[in-house]
Amino acid sequence: MNIEPCFNLKLRQADRVLTSHYNGYLHECGIKVTQFSVLRSLWYMKRCSQQALEKALLVDQATLTRSLKPLLREGYIERTPDSADRRVMLCSLTASGKALFKRAEKQWRLAQKSVEQQLGADAIGQLLAASSALIEMKT
């Protein structure tokens, strides 16, 4: 019997495996890969609104809030009012958030290297190209 593969199922399965892989590396830093993605975005964006983070990470408000809560609680991220519009709160890394990012980035790089060694550079290139094409479907 030849069953047609479900692209969505295969990608979700791969996502769960990859998430678990990265979480294993980031465990010693006390964060999950979803939280690392927030830290990494803020590292490069410096200060931004929650809406800008949602757009950068392609997540909804509830998903981002779940990742932000522990980072805010632990003092890794702070929210300050935007001077141009005090109703808008801007997120940024605190000094301890920057230190956490630098520690976690080392673990993230090890996870990246491990995946590349497992799949090979050509497969990684194809995976990134296919992922980018899928993301373009959203816009």
C-alpha atoms as a PDB file:
ATOM      1  CA  MET A   1       0.000   0.000   0.000  1.00  0.00           C
ATOM      2  CA  ASN A   2       1.400   3.374  -1.022  1.00  0.00           C
ATOM      3  CA  ILE A   3       0.168   6.110   1.326  1.00  0.00           C
ATOM      4  CA  GLU A   4       0.713   9.687   0.238  1.00  0.00           C
ATOM      5  CA  PRO A   5       2.866  11.505   2.822  1.00  0.00           C
ATOM      6  CA  CYS A   6       1.350  14.428   4.705  1.00  0.00           C
ATOM      7  CA  PHE A   7       3.780  17.348   4.479  1.00  0.00           C
ATOM      8  CA  ASN A   8       2.298  18.977   7.569  1.00  0.00           C
ATOM      9  CA  LEU A   9       2.635  15.837   9.703  1.00  0.00           C
ATOM     10  CA  LYS A  10       6.237  15.230   8.628  1.00  0.00           C
ATOM     11  CA  LEU A  11       7.217  18.838   9.332  1.00  0.00           C
ATOM     12  CA  ARG A  12       5.496  18.802  12.733  1.00  0.00           C
ATOM     13  CA  GLN A  13       7.251  15.548  13.631  1.00  0.00           C
ATOM     14  CA  ALA A  14      10.593  17.009  12.544  1.00  0.00           C
ATOM     15  CA  ASP A  15       9.828  20.163  14.537  1.00  0.00           C
ATOM     16  CA  ARG A  16       9.204  18.141  17.704  1.00  0.00           C
ATOM     17  CA  VAL A  17      12.449  16.193  17.257  1.00  0.00           C
ATOM     18  CA  LEU A  18      14.444  19.362  16.532  1.00  0.00           C
ATOM     19  CA  THR A  19      12.858  21.222  19.459  1.00  0.00           C
ATOM     20  CA  SER A  20      13.737  18.368  21.807  1.00  0.00           C
ATOM     21  CA  HIS A  21      17.296  18.331  20.435  1.00  0.00           C
ATOM     22  CA  TYR A  22      17.819  22.063  21.043  1.00  0.00           C
ATOM     23  CA  ASN A  23      16.103  21.921  24.445  1.00  0.00           C
ATOM     24  CA  GLY A  24      18.581  19.241  25.479  1.00  0.00           C
ATOM     25  CA  TYR A  25      21.470  21.588  24.759  1.00  0.00           C
ATOM     26  CA  LEU A  26      19.803  24.629  26.350  1.00  0.00           C
ATOM     27  CA  HIS A  27      18.682  22.768  29.483  1.00  0.00           C
ATOM     28  CA  GLU A  28      21.821  23.714  31.418  1.00  0.00           C
ATOM     29  CA  CYS A  29      20.935  27.396  30.859  1.00  0.00           C
ATOM     30  CA  GLY A  30      17.449  26.860  32.276  1.00  0.00           C
ATOM     31  CA  ILE A  31      15.595  27.871  29.121  1.00  0.00           C
ATOM     32  CA  LYS A  32      13.824  26.264  26.191  1.00  0.00           C
ATOM     33  CA  VAL A  33      14.534  26.926  22.523  1.00  0.00           C
ATOM     34  CA  THR A  34      11.355  29.026  22.261  1.00  0.00           C
ATOM     35  CA  GLN A  35      12.728  31.314  24.973  1.00  0.00           C
ATOM     36  CA  PHE A  36      16.143  31.358  23.314  1.00  0.00           C
ATOM     37  CA  SER A  37      14.470  32.549  20.107  1.00  0.00           C
ATOM     38  CA  VAL A  38      12.978  35.482  22.025  1.00  0.00           C
ATOM     39  CA  LEU A  39      16.337  36.320  23.614  1.00  0.00           C
ATOM     40  CA  ARG A  40      18.087  36.066  20.250  1.00  0.00           C
ATOM     41  CA  SER A  41      15.524  38.302  18.552  1.00  0.00           C
ATOM     42  CA  LEU A  42      15.856  40.910  21.283  1.00  0.00           C
ATOM     43  CA  TRP A  43      19.649  40.675  21.116  1.00  0.00           C
ATOM     44  CA  TYR A  44      19.536  41.742  17.465  1.00  0.00           C
ATOM     45  CA  MET A  45      16.474  44.022  17.599  1.00  0.00           C
ATOM     46  CA  LYS A  46      17.616  45.763  20.829  1.00  0.00           C
ATOM     47  CA  ARG A  47      14.233  47.261  21.867  1.00  0.00           C
ATOM     48  CA  CYS A  48      10.927  46.443  20.243  1.00  0.00           C
ATOM     49  CA  SER A  49       7.231  46.097  20.918  1.00  0.00           C
ATOM     50  CA  GLN A  50       5.644  42.744  21.629  1.00  0.00           C
ATOM     51  CA  GLN A  51       3.862  43.053  18.274  1.00  0.00           C
ATOM     52  CA  ALA A  52       7.221  43.444  16.507  1.00  0.00           C
ATOM     53  CA  LEU A  53       8.483  40.323  18.292  1.00  0.00           C
ATOM     54  CA  GLU A  54       5.357  38.403  17.254  1.00  0.00           C
ATOM     55  CA  LYS A  55       5.972  39.401  13.645  1.00  0.00           C
ATOM     56  CA  ALA A  56       9.691  38.545  13.772  1.00  0.00           C
ATOM     57  CA  LEU A  57       9.038  35.125  15.320  1.00  0.00           C
ATOM     58  CA  LEU A  58       5.831  34.407  13.338  1.00  0.00           C
ATOM     59  CA  VAL A  59       3.894  33.587  16.519  1.00  0.00           C
ATOM     60  CA  ASP A  60       0.624  34.759  17.993  1.00  0.00           C
ATOM     61  CA  GLN A  61       0.253  36.821  21.154  1.00  0.00           C
ATOM     62  CA  ALA A  62      -0.568  33.844  23.409  1.00  0.00           C
ATOM     63  CA  THR A  63       2.444  31.852  22.214  1.00  0.00           C
ATOM     64  CA  LEU A  64       4.812  34.775  22.704  1.00  0.00           C
ATOM     65  CA  THR A  65       3.348  35.515  26.142  1.00  0.00           C
ATOM     66  CA  ARG A  66       4.104  31.922  27.239  1.00  0.00           C
ATOM     67  CA  SER A  67       7.747  32.403  26.260  1.00  0.00           C
ATOM     68  CA  LEU A  68       8.016  35.921  27.696  1.00  0.00           C
ATOM     69  CA  LYS A  69       6.470  35.252  31.129  1.00  0.00           C
ATOM     70  CA  PRO A  70       9.348  33.292  32.691  1.00  0.00           C
ATOM     71  CA  LEU A  71      11.943  35.576  31.086  1.00  0.00           C
ATOM     72  CA  LEU A  72      10.212  38.641  32.549  1.00  0.00           C
ATOM     73  CA  ARG A  73       9.743  36.955  35.927  1.00  0.00           C
ATOM     74  CA  GLU A  74      13.431  36.028  36.135  1.00  0.00           C
ATOM     75  CA  GLY A  75      14.485  39.543  35.143  1.00  0.00           C
ATOM     76  CA  TYR A  76      16.038  38.641  31.786  1.00  0.00           C
ATOM     77  CA  ILE A  77      13.704  40.949  29.867  1.00  0.00           C
ATOM     78  CA  GLU A  78      12.206  44.277  30.856  1.00  0.00           C
ATOM     79  CA  ARG A  79       9.295  46.253  29.481  1.00  0.00           C
ATOM     80  CA  THR A  80       9.442  50.037  29.347  1.00  0.00           C
ATOM     81  CA  PRO A  81       6.980  52.534  27.859  1.00  0.00           C
ATOM     82  CA  ASP A  82       7.782  53.852  24.393  1.00  0.00           C
ATOM     83  CA  SER A  83       8.656  57.543  24.669  1.00  0.00           C
ATOM     84  CA  ALA A  84       6.708  58.248  21.451  1.00  0.00           C
ATOM     85  CA  ASP A  85       3.561  56.407  22.610  1.00  0.00           C
ATOM     86  CA  ARG A  86       3.396  55.562  26.306  1.00  0.00           C
ATOM     87  CA  ARG A  87       0.646  53.003  25.634  1.00  0.00           C
ATOM     88  CA  VAL A  88       3.180  50.831  23.807  1.00  0.00           C
ATOM     89  CA  MET A  89       5.536  48.777  25.945  1.00  0.00           C
ATOM     90  CA  LEU A  90       8.968  48.020  24.521  1.00  0.00           C
ATOM     91  CA  CYS A  91      10.798  44.817  25.398  1.00  0.00           C
ATOM     92  CA  SER A  92      14.563  44.670  25.810  1.00  0.00           C
ATOM     93  CA  LEU A  93      17.195  42.452  27.383  1.00  0.00           C
ATOM     94  CA  THR A  94      18.450  43.342  30.839  1.00  0.00           C
ATOM     95  CA  ALA A  95      22.122  42.920  31.747  1.00  0.00           C
ATOM     96  CA  SER A  96      21.337  39.449  33.114  1.00  0.00           C
ATOM     97  CA  GLY A  97      19.334  38.705  29.956  1.00  0.00           C
ATOM     98  CA  LYS A  98      22.331  39.605  27.805  1.00  0.00           C
ATOM     99  CA  ALA A  99      24.556  37.383  29.939  1.00  0.00           C
ATOM    100  CA  LEU A 100      22.048  34.522  29.650  1.00  0.00           C
ATOM    101  CA  PHE A 101      21.887  34.971  25.890  1.00  0.00           C
ATOM    102  CA  LYS A 102      25.676  34.759  25.568  1.00  0.00           C
ATOM    103  CA  ARG A 103      25.755  31.545  27.660  1.00  0.00           C
ATOM    104  CA  ALA A 104      22.813  30.040  25.793  1.00  0.00           C
ATOM    105  CA  GLU A 105      24.224  31.043  22.415  1.00  0.00           C
ATOM    106  CA  LYS A 106      27.204  28.757  23.032  1.00  0.00           C
ATOM    107  CA  GLN A 107      24.845  25.834  23.662  1.00  0.00           C
ATOM    108  CA  TRP A 108      22.728  26.803  20.654  1.00  0.00           C
ATOM    109  CA  ARG A 109      25.851  26.754  18.456  1.00  0.00           C
ATOM    110  CA  LEU A 110      26.630  23.235  19.698  1.00  0.00           C
ATOM    111  CA  ALA A 111      23.078  22.157  18.829  1.00  0.00           C
ATOM    112  CA  GLN A 112      23.412  23.773  15.388  1.00  0.00           C
ATOM    113  CA  LYS A 113      26.721  21.996  14.771  1.00  0.00           C
ATOM    114  CA  SER A 114      25.254  18.670  15.874  1.00  0.00           C
ATOM    115  CA  VAL A 115      22.332  18.981  13.444  1.00  0.00           C
ATOM    116  CA  GLU A 116      24.643  19.976  10.599  1.00  0.00           C
ATOM    117  CA  GLN A 117      26.940  17.016  11.310  1.00  0.00           C
ATOM    118  CA  GLN A 118      23.929  14.683  11.342  1.00  0.00           C
ATOM    119  CA  LEU A 119      22.338  16.000   8.132  1.00  0.00           C
ATOM    120  CA  GLY A 120      25.266  17.445   6.193  1.00  0.00           C
ATOM    121  CA  ALA A 121      25.729  20.937   4.789  1.00  0.00           C
ATOM    122  CA  ASP A 122      23.847  20.206   1.537  1.00  0.00           C
ATOM    123  CA  ALA A 123      20.762  18.923   3.346  1.00  0.00           C
ATOM    124  CA  ILE A 124      20.871  21.909   5.718  1.00  0.00           C
ATOM    125  CA  GLY A 125      20.966  24.257   2.716  1.00  0.00           C
ATOM    126  CA  GLN A 126      17.979  22.489   1.157  1.00  0.00           C
ATOM    127  CA  LEU A 127      16.118  22.503   4.462  1.00  0.00           C
ATOM    128  CA  LEU A 128      16.671  26.233   4.946  1.00  0.00           C
ATOM    129  CA  ALA A 129      15.603  26.972   1.358  1.00  0.00           C
ATOM    130  CA  ALA A 130      12.452  24.862   1.689  1.00  0.00           C
ATOM    131  CA  SER A 131      11.650  26.437   5.065  1.00  0.00           C
ATOM    132  CA  SER A 132      12.057  29.929   3.615  1.00  0.00           C
ATOM    133  CA  ALA A 133       9.756  29.043   0.709  1.00  0.00           C
ATOM    134  CA  LEU A 134       7.119  27.744   3.127  1.00  0.00           C
ATOM    135  CA  ILE A 135       7.378  30.894   5.242  1.00  0.00           C
ATOM    136  CA  GLU A 136       6.842  32.985   2.099  1.00  0.00           C
ATOM    137  CA  MET A 137       3.457  31.259   1.693  1.00  0.00           C
ATOM    138  CA  LYS A 138       2.282  33.153   4.790  1.00  0.00           C
ATOM    139  CA  THR A 139       2.939  36.574   3.296  1.00  0.00           C
END
